[in-house]
Amino acid sequence: METLFLLWLGKPLWMWLAFLAIVAVLLALDLGVLHRSSARSAFARA
């Protein structure tokens, strides 16, 4: 458990892990939920 409190780039490791988890969740939300339409956009629309 002490490994989570080791300093890495000046911040505790648990802060980096929490940050990376938030980024991963937001990326999954963006790619999985917000871009669900599988229809290809037409050339004229693009």
N, C-alpha and C. Protein backbone atom coordinates (compact mmCIF):
# COMPACT_ATOMS: atom_id res chain seq x y z
N MET A 1 0.82 -1.21 0.00
CA MET A 1 0.00 0.00 0.00
C MET A 1 0.86 1.26 0.00
N GLU A 2 2.08 1.13 0.48
CA GLU A 2 2.95 2.31 0.50
C GLU A 2 3.39 2.73 -0.89
N THR A 3 3.27 1.84 -1.87
CA THR A 3 3.67 2.20 -3.23
C THR A 3 2.79 3.30 -3.79
N LEU A 4 1.56 3.40 -3.33
CA LEU A 4 0.67 4.45 -3.84
C LEU A 4 1.10 5.84 -3.38
N PHE A 5 1.91 5.89 -2.33
CA PHE A 5 2.34 7.18 -1.81
C PHE A 5 3.75 7.55 -2.23
N LEU A 6 4.37 6.74 -3.10
CA LEU A 6 5.68 7.11 -3.63
C LEU A 6 5.54 8.32 -4.54
N LEU A 7 6.53 9.18 -4.50
CA LEU A 7 6.48 10.36 -5.35
C LEU A 7 6.98 10.01 -6.74
N TRP A 8 6.25 10.46 -7.73
CA TRP A 8 6.65 10.27 -9.13
C TRP A 8 6.36 11.58 -9.83
N LEU A 9 7.39 12.24 -10.33
CA LEU A 9 7.30 13.57 -10.93
C LEU A 9 6.69 14.58 -9.96
N GLY A 10 7.01 14.43 -8.69
CA GLY A 10 6.59 15.40 -7.69
C GLY A 10 5.20 15.19 -7.13
N LYS A 11 4.48 14.19 -7.59
CA LYS A 11 3.12 13.92 -7.09
C LYS A 11 3.03 12.47 -6.65
N PRO A 12 2.15 12.17 -5.71
CA PRO A 12 1.97 10.77 -5.30
C PRO A 12 1.44 9.92 -6.46
N LEU A 13 1.79 8.65 -6.44
CA LEU A 13 1.41 7.75 -7.52
C LEU A 13 -0.10 7.61 -7.64
N TRP A 14 -0.83 7.67 -6.51
CA TRP A 14 -2.28 7.51 -6.59
C TRP A 14 -2.92 8.65 -7.36
N MET A 15 -2.34 9.84 -7.32
CA MET A 15 -2.88 10.96 -8.10
C MET A 15 -2.72 10.70 -9.59
N TRP A 16 -1.56 10.16 -10.00
CA TRP A 16 -1.35 9.84 -11.41
C TRP A 16 -2.30 8.74 -11.87
N LEU A 17 -2.50 7.73 -11.04
CA LEU A 17 -3.41 6.65 -11.40
C LEU A 17 -4.85 7.14 -11.51
N ALA A 18 -5.25 8.03 -10.61
CA ALA A 18 -6.60 8.60 -10.68
C ALA A 18 -6.76 9.45 -11.93
N PHE A 19 -5.75 10.22 -12.26
CA PHE A 19 -5.79 11.05 -13.46
C PHE A 19 -5.90 10.19 -14.72
N LEU A 20 -5.09 9.14 -14.80
CA LEU A 20 -5.13 8.26 -15.97
C LEU A 20 -6.47 7.53 -16.06
N ALA A 21 -7.04 7.16 -14.92
CA ALA A 21 -8.34 6.50 -14.93
C ALA A 21 -9.42 7.45 -15.43
N ILE A 22 -9.38 8.70 -15.03
CA ILE A 22 -10.35 9.69 -15.49
C ILE A 22 -10.22 9.92 -16.99
N VAL A 23 -8.98 10.02 -17.46
CA VAL A 23 -8.75 10.20 -18.90
C VAL A 23 -9.27 9.00 -19.68
N ALA A 24 -9.03 7.78 -19.18
CA ALA A 24 -9.50 6.58 -19.86
C ALA A 24 -11.03 6.52 -19.90
N VAL A 25 -11.67 6.89 -18.81
CA VAL A 25 -13.14 6.89 -18.77
C VAL A 25 -13.70 7.93 -19.73
N LEU A 26 -13.12 9.11 -19.76
CA LEU A 26 -13.59 10.15 -20.68
C LEU A 26 -13.37 9.75 -22.14
N LEU A 27 -12.24 9.11 -22.42
CA LEU A 27 -11.97 8.65 -23.78
C LEU A 27 -12.96 7.57 -24.20
N ALA A 28 -13.23 6.62 -23.31
CA ALA A 28 -14.20 5.58 -23.61
C ALA A 28 -15.59 6.16 -23.79
N LEU A 29 -15.94 7.14 -22.99
CA LEU A 29 -17.23 7.80 -23.13
C LEU A 29 -17.33 8.53 -24.46
N ASP A 30 -16.28 9.22 -24.83
CA ASP A 30 -16.28 9.96 -26.08
C ASP A 30 -16.35 9.03 -27.28
N LEU A 31 -15.54 8.00 -27.31
CA LEU A 31 -15.49 7.12 -28.47
C LEU A 31 -16.65 6.13 -28.49
N GLY A 32 -17.11 5.70 -27.34
CA GLY A 32 -18.13 4.66 -27.29
C GLY A 32 -19.55 5.17 -27.27
N VAL A 33 -19.79 6.29 -26.64
CA VAL A 33 -21.16 6.75 -26.45
C VAL A 33 -21.49 7.93 -27.36
N LEU A 34 -20.62 8.89 -27.42
CA LEU A 34 -20.94 10.11 -28.16
C LEU A 34 -20.82 9.96 -29.66
N HIS A 35 -20.10 8.96 -30.13
CA HIS A 35 -19.92 8.75 -31.56
C HIS A 35 -20.52 7.41 -31.98
N ARG A 36 -21.75 7.16 -31.56
CA ARG A 36 -22.37 5.87 -31.82
C ARG A 36 -22.88 5.74 -33.24
N SER A 37 -23.18 6.82 -33.90
CA SER A 37 -23.75 6.71 -35.25
C SER A 37 -22.74 6.07 -36.18
N SER A 38 -23.13 4.96 -36.79
CA SER A 38 -22.21 4.25 -37.66
C SER A 38 -22.39 4.64 -39.11
N ALA A 39 -23.30 5.57 -39.39
CA ALA A 39 -23.52 6.00 -40.77
C ALA A 39 -22.32 6.83 -41.22
N ARG A 40 -21.86 6.55 -42.41
CA ARG A 40 -20.74 7.31 -42.96
C ARG A 40 -21.28 8.63 -43.49
N SER A 41 -20.54 9.68 -43.27
CA SER A 41 -20.97 10.97 -43.76
C SER A 41 -20.72 11.06 -45.28
N ALA A 42 -21.63 11.69 -45.94
CA ALA A 42 -21.52 11.83 -47.39
C ALA A 42 -20.40 12.78 -47.75
N PHE A 43 -19.90 12.66 -48.96
CA PHE A 43 -18.80 13.52 -49.40
C PHE A 43 -19.23 14.98 -49.43
N ALA A 44 -20.45 15.25 -49.88
CA ALA A 44 -20.93 16.63 -49.96
C ALA A 44 -21.09 17.23 -48.58
N ARG A 45 -21.47 16.40 -47.61
CA ARG A 45 -21.65 16.88 -46.24
C ARG A 45 -20.31 17.16 -45.58
N ALA A 46 -19.32 16.39 -45.92
CA ALA A 46 -18.01 16.57 -45.32
C ALA A 46 -17.38 17.85 -45.86
